[in-house]
Amino acid sequence: MPSYKQLTAQLEKLHKEVAAAREKEVAQAIADIKAMIAEYEITPEELGFSSRGATPKKKPLPARYMNPKTGETWSGRGRAPGWLAGKNRDRFLIAE
């Protein structure tokens, strides 16, 4: 029966072999994918990616408050604008 040291050495060798095999297979998979993308002229949008990256852009929130003097609006999220600071927000609510 092999000793503990022999088994750990075998395990370490196997870990290295697994990492090398994975690296080789991933490189081949990437090459295959790139070839298919080029062959079929697939765009990132067709794969579900946006043109700016992998995350879709969030839609802006609708305005909930409006300054009647200037027409400026605020969604109610984040820091309150100066024209609303210290005032009753109910007066500036946009009627729905």
N, C-alpha and C. Protein backbone atom coordinates (compact mmCIF):
# COMPACT_ATOMS: atom_id res chain seq x y z
N MET A 1 0.86 -1.18 0.00
CA MET A 1 0.00 0.00 0.00
C MET A 1 0.89 1.24 0.00
N PRO A 2 0.59 2.21 -0.86
CA PRO A 2 1.43 3.42 -0.93
C PRO A 2 1.30 4.25 0.35
N SER A 3 2.36 4.99 0.64
CA SER A 3 2.35 5.84 1.83
C SER A 3 1.60 7.14 1.55
N TYR A 4 1.37 7.89 2.60
CA TYR A 4 0.67 9.17 2.49
C TYR A 4 1.43 10.12 1.56
N LYS A 5 2.76 10.19 1.71
CA LYS A 5 3.58 11.08 0.88
C LYS A 5 3.49 10.68 -0.60
N GLN A 6 3.50 9.39 -0.85
CA GLN A 6 3.40 8.93 -2.24
C GLN A 6 2.04 9.30 -2.83
N LEU A 7 0.99 9.13 -2.04
CA LEU A 7 -0.35 9.47 -2.52
C LEU A 7 -0.50 10.97 -2.78
N THR A 8 0.04 11.79 -1.88
CA THR A 8 -0.05 13.25 -2.09
C THR A 8 0.75 13.67 -3.31
N ALA A 9 1.89 13.01 -3.55
CA ALA A 9 2.69 13.31 -4.74
C ALA A 9 1.91 12.93 -6.00
N GLN A 10 1.24 11.78 -5.96
CA GLN A 10 0.42 11.36 -7.11
C GLN A 10 -0.73 12.33 -7.33
N LEU A 11 -1.34 12.76 -6.23
CA LEU A 11 -2.46 13.69 -6.32
C LEU A 11 -2.01 15.01 -6.94
N GLU A 12 -0.86 15.51 -6.50
CA GLU A 12 -0.34 16.77 -7.04
C GLU A 12 -0.06 16.62 -8.54
N LYS A 13 0.51 15.47 -8.93
CA LYS A 13 0.80 15.21 -10.33
C LYS A 13 -0.50 15.18 -11.14
N LEU A 14 -1.53 14.54 -10.59
CA LEU A 14 -2.83 14.49 -11.27
C LEU A 14 -3.45 15.87 -11.40
N HIS A 15 -3.33 16.69 -10.36
CA HIS A 15 -3.87 18.06 -10.43
C HIS A 15 -3.20 18.84 -11.57
N LYS A 16 -1.89 18.66 -11.71
CA LYS A 16 -1.18 19.35 -12.78
C LYS A 16 -1.63 18.84 -14.15
N GLU A 17 -1.81 17.52 -14.26
CA GLU A 17 -2.27 16.95 -15.52
C GLU A 17 -3.68 17.43 -15.87
N VAL A 18 -4.54 17.51 -14.85
CA VAL A 18 -5.91 18.00 -15.08
C VAL A 18 -5.87 19.44 -15.55
N ALA A 19 -5.06 20.29 -14.91
CA ALA A 19 -4.97 21.70 -15.30
C ALA A 19 -4.46 21.83 -16.73
N ALA A 20 -3.45 21.04 -17.08
CA ALA A 20 -2.89 21.11 -18.43
C ALA A 20 -3.92 20.64 -19.47
N ALA A 21 -4.63 19.56 -19.18
CA ALA A 21 -5.64 19.05 -20.11
C ALA A 21 -6.77 20.06 -20.29
N ARG A 22 -7.19 20.67 -19.19
CA ARG A 22 -8.27 21.66 -19.27
C ARG A 22 -7.82 22.85 -20.11
N GLU A 23 -6.62 23.33 -19.87
CA GLU A 23 -6.10 24.48 -20.61
C GLU A 23 -6.06 24.18 -22.11
N LYS A 24 -5.62 22.98 -22.46
CA LYS A 24 -5.54 22.58 -23.87
C LYS A 24 -6.94 22.51 -24.49
N GLU A 25 -7.89 21.91 -23.77
CA GLU A 25 -9.24 21.76 -24.30
C GLU A 25 -9.97 23.10 -24.40
N VAL A 26 -9.74 23.99 -23.44
CA VAL A 26 -10.36 25.32 -23.49
C VAL A 26 -9.82 26.10 -24.69
N ALA A 27 -8.52 26.01 -24.90
CA ALA A 27 -7.93 26.70 -26.06
C ALA A 27 -8.52 26.17 -27.36
N GLN A 28 -8.71 24.88 -27.47
CA GLN A 28 -9.31 24.30 -28.67
C GLN A 28 -10.77 24.73 -28.82
N ALA A 29 -11.51 24.75 -27.71
CA ALA A 29 -12.91 25.17 -27.76
C ALA A 29 -13.02 26.63 -28.21
N ILE A 30 -12.14 27.48 -27.70
CA ILE A 30 -12.16 28.90 -28.10
C ILE A 30 -11.85 29.03 -29.58
N ALA A 31 -10.88 28.28 -30.06
CA ALA A 31 -10.54 28.32 -31.48
C ALA A 31 -11.72 27.86 -32.33
N ASP A 32 -12.40 26.79 -31.91
CA ASP A 32 -13.57 26.30 -32.65
C ASP A 32 -14.69 27.34 -32.68
N ILE A 33 -14.93 27.96 -31.53
CA ILE A 33 -15.99 28.97 -31.43
C ILE A 33 -15.67 30.16 -32.33
N LYS A 34 -14.42 30.62 -32.28
CA LYS A 34 -14.02 31.76 -33.13
C LYS A 34 -14.19 31.42 -34.60
N ALA A 35 -13.84 30.20 -34.97
CA ALA A 35 -13.99 29.80 -36.37
C ALA A 35 -15.45 29.79 -36.79
N MET A 36 -16.33 29.29 -35.94
CA MET A 36 -17.76 29.26 -36.26
C MET A 36 -18.34 30.67 -36.33
N ILE A 37 -17.91 31.54 -35.43
CA ILE A 37 -18.38 32.93 -35.44
C ILE A 37 -17.99 33.59 -36.76
N ALA A 38 -16.74 33.37 -37.17
CA ALA A 38 -16.28 33.95 -38.43
C ALA A 38 -17.01 33.34 -39.62
N GLU A 39 -17.22 32.04 -39.60
CA GLU A 39 -17.88 31.35 -40.72
C GLU A 39 -19.31 31.82 -40.90
N TYR A 40 -20.04 31.97 -39.82
CA TYR A 40 -21.46 32.34 -39.90
C TYR A 40 -21.71 33.83 -39.69
N GLU A 41 -20.64 34.61 -39.49
CA GLU A 41 -20.74 36.06 -39.29
C GLU A 41 -21.72 36.40 -38.17
N ILE A 42 -21.52 35.76 -37.05
CA ILE A 42 -22.39 35.96 -35.88
C ILE A 42 -21.94 37.21 -35.13
N THR A 43 -22.91 38.03 -34.73
CA THR A 43 -22.61 39.26 -33.98
C THR A 43 -22.78 39.01 -32.49
N PRO A 44 -22.16 39.85 -31.64
CA PRO A 44 -22.34 39.70 -30.19
C PRO A 44 -23.80 39.83 -29.78
N GLU A 45 -24.55 40.67 -30.47
CA GLU A 45 -25.96 40.85 -30.14
C GLU A 45 -26.75 39.56 -30.37
N GLU A 46 -26.40 38.82 -31.42
CA GLU A 46 -27.08 37.56 -31.70
C GLU A 46 -26.78 36.52 -30.62
N LEU A 47 -25.65 36.67 -29.96
CA LEU A 47 -25.29 35.76 -28.87
C LEU A 47 -25.84 36.21 -27.53
N GLY A 48 -26.51 37.35 -27.51
CA GLY A 48 -27.10 37.84 -26.27
C GLY A 48 -26.26 38.86 -25.54
N PHE A 49 -25.17 39.32 -26.17
CA PHE A 49 -24.33 40.34 -25.56
C PHE A 49 -24.70 41.69 -26.15
N SER A 50 -24.62 42.73 -25.32
CA SER A 50 -24.86 44.07 -25.85
C SER A 50 -23.59 44.55 -26.55
N SER A 51 -23.69 45.60 -27.31
CA SER A 51 -22.54 46.08 -28.04
C SER A 51 -21.50 46.71 -27.11
N ARG A 52 -21.88 47.08 -25.89
CA ARG A 52 -20.95 47.71 -24.96
C ARG A 52 -20.37 46.73 -23.96
N GLY A 53 -20.85 45.51 -23.91
CA GLY A 53 -20.34 44.54 -22.96
C GLY A 53 -21.37 43.47 -22.69
N ALA A 54 -21.13 42.68 -21.69
CA ALA A 54 -22.00 41.54 -21.42
C ALA A 54 -23.23 41.91 -20.60
N THR A 55 -23.25 43.09 -20.00
CA THR A 55 -24.39 43.47 -19.18
C THR A 55 -25.30 44.43 -19.93
N PRO A 56 -26.59 44.18 -19.93
CA PRO A 56 -27.50 45.10 -20.61
C PRO A 56 -27.61 46.42 -19.84
N LYS A 57 -27.83 47.49 -20.57
CA LYS A 57 -27.95 48.80 -19.95
C LYS A 57 -29.32 48.91 -19.28
N LYS A 58 -29.32 49.45 -18.07
CA LYS A 58 -30.57 49.60 -17.34
C LYS A 58 -31.35 50.79 -17.91
N LYS A 59 -32.66 50.65 -17.92
CA LYS A 59 -33.51 51.74 -18.37
C LYS A 59 -33.61 52.76 -17.25
N PRO A 60 -33.65 54.05 -17.59
CA PRO A 60 -33.79 55.05 -16.54
C PRO A 60 -35.16 54.95 -15.88
N LEU A 61 -35.19 55.27 -14.60
CA LEU A 61 -36.45 55.23 -13.87
C LEU A 61 -37.32 56.41 -14.28
N PRO A 62 -38.63 56.26 -14.22
CA PRO A 62 -39.50 57.39 -14.54
C PRO A 62 -39.40 58.47 -13.47
N ALA A 63 -39.60 59.69 -13.89
CA ALA A 63 -39.54 60.81 -12.96
C ALA A 63 -40.75 60.79 -12.03
N ARG A 64 -40.50 61.08 -10.75
CA ARG A 64 -41.60 61.15 -9.77
C ARG A 64 -41.83 62.57 -9.28
N TYR A 65 -40.78 63.40 -9.37
CA TYR A 65 -40.86 64.77 -8.88
C TYR A 65 -40.42 65.72 -9.99
N MET A 66 -41.04 66.93 -10.01
CA MET A 66 -40.68 67.92 -11.02
C MET A 66 -40.67 69.31 -10.41
N ASN A 67 -39.66 70.08 -10.79
CA ASN A 67 -39.57 71.47 -10.38
C ASN A 67 -40.43 72.27 -11.36
N PRO A 68 -41.53 72.87 -10.89
CA PRO A 68 -42.42 73.58 -11.82
C PRO A 68 -41.78 74.82 -12.46
N LYS A 69 -40.77 75.39 -11.81
CA LYS A 69 -40.13 76.58 -12.36
C LYS A 69 -39.20 76.26 -13.51
N THR A 70 -38.43 75.19 -13.39
CA THR A 70 -37.42 74.89 -14.41
C THR A 70 -37.74 73.66 -15.24
N GLY A 71 -38.64 72.81 -14.78
CA GLY A 71 -38.97 71.59 -15.49
C GLY A 71 -38.03 70.44 -15.18
N GLU A 72 -37.07 70.67 -14.27
CA GLU A 72 -36.15 69.59 -13.89
C GLU A 72 -36.94 68.49 -13.20
N THR A 73 -36.51 67.24 -13.40
CA THR A 73 -37.19 66.11 -12.78
C THR A 73 -36.21 65.29 -11.95
N TRP A 74 -36.80 64.46 -11.07
CA TRP A 74 -36.01 63.57 -10.22
C TRP A 74 -36.82 62.30 -10.02
N SER A 75 -36.14 61.15 -10.07
CA SER A 75 -36.82 59.86 -9.97
C SER A 75 -37.14 59.48 -8.53
N GLY A 76 -36.54 60.14 -7.57
CA GLY A 76 -36.74 59.78 -6.17
C GLY A 76 -35.64 58.88 -5.64
N ARG A 77 -34.68 58.56 -6.48
CA ARG A 77 -33.56 57.72 -6.06
C ARG A 77 -32.28 58.55 -6.06
N GLY A 78 -31.40 58.20 -5.15
CA GLY A 78 -30.14 58.92 -5.06
C GLY A 78 -30.30 60.20 -4.28
N ARG A 79 -29.30 61.03 -4.36
CA ARG A 79 -29.30 62.29 -3.62
C ARG A 79 -30.36 63.24 -4.19
N ALA A 80 -31.09 63.87 -3.28
CA ALA A 80 -32.15 64.79 -3.71
C ALA A 80 -31.53 66.04 -4.33
N PRO A 81 -32.13 66.57 -5.39
CA PRO A 81 -31.59 67.78 -6.01
C PRO A 81 -31.76 69.00 -5.10
N GLY A 82 -30.98 70.01 -5.36
CA GLY A 82 -31.00 71.21 -4.53
C GLY A 82 -32.35 71.90 -4.47
N TRP A 83 -33.10 71.89 -5.56
CA TRP A 83 -34.40 72.56 -5.59
C TRP A 83 -35.43 71.87 -4.73
N LEU A 84 -35.14 70.66 -4.26
CA LEU A 84 -36.08 69.90 -3.44
C LEU A 84 -35.64 69.81 -1.98
N ALA A 85 -34.41 70.15 -1.71
CA ALA A 85 -33.84 70.00 -0.37
C ALA A 85 -34.60 70.84 0.65
N GLY A 86 -35.01 70.20 1.74
CA GLY A 86 -35.67 70.89 2.84
C GLY A 86 -37.10 71.32 2.57
N LYS A 87 -37.69 70.86 1.48
CA LYS A 87 -39.05 71.26 1.15
C LYS A 87 -39.97 70.04 1.21
N ASN A 88 -41.25 70.31 1.24
CA ASN A 88 -42.24 69.24 1.25
C ASN A 88 -42.28 68.61 -0.14
N ARG A 89 -41.88 67.35 -0.21
CA ARG A 89 -41.80 66.67 -1.51
C ARG A 89 -43.16 66.45 -2.16
N ASP A 90 -44.20 66.38 -1.36
CA ASP A 90 -45.53 66.14 -1.90
C ASP A 90 -45.94 67.23 -2.89
N ARG A 91 -45.47 68.44 -2.68
CA ARG A 91 -45.81 69.54 -3.57
C ARG A 91 -45.22 69.36 -4.96
N PHE A 92 -44.15 68.58 -5.07
CA PHE A 92 -43.44 68.42 -6.33
C PHE A 92 -43.75 67.09 -7.02
N LEU A 93 -44.61 66.27 -6.44
CA LEU A 93 -44.97 64.97 -7.05
C LEU A 93 -45.63 65.18 -8.41
N ILE A 94 -45.25 64.36 -9.34
CA ILE A 94 -45.86 64.42 -10.67
C ILE A 94 -47.16 63.60 -10.61
N ALA A 95 -48.28 64.21 -11.04
CA ALA A 95 -49.57 63.53 -11.03
C ALA A 95 -49.54 62.40 -12.04
N GLU A 96 -50.03 61.24 -11.63
CA GLU A 96 -50.04 60.09 -12.53
C GLU A 96 -51.37 59.91 -13.19
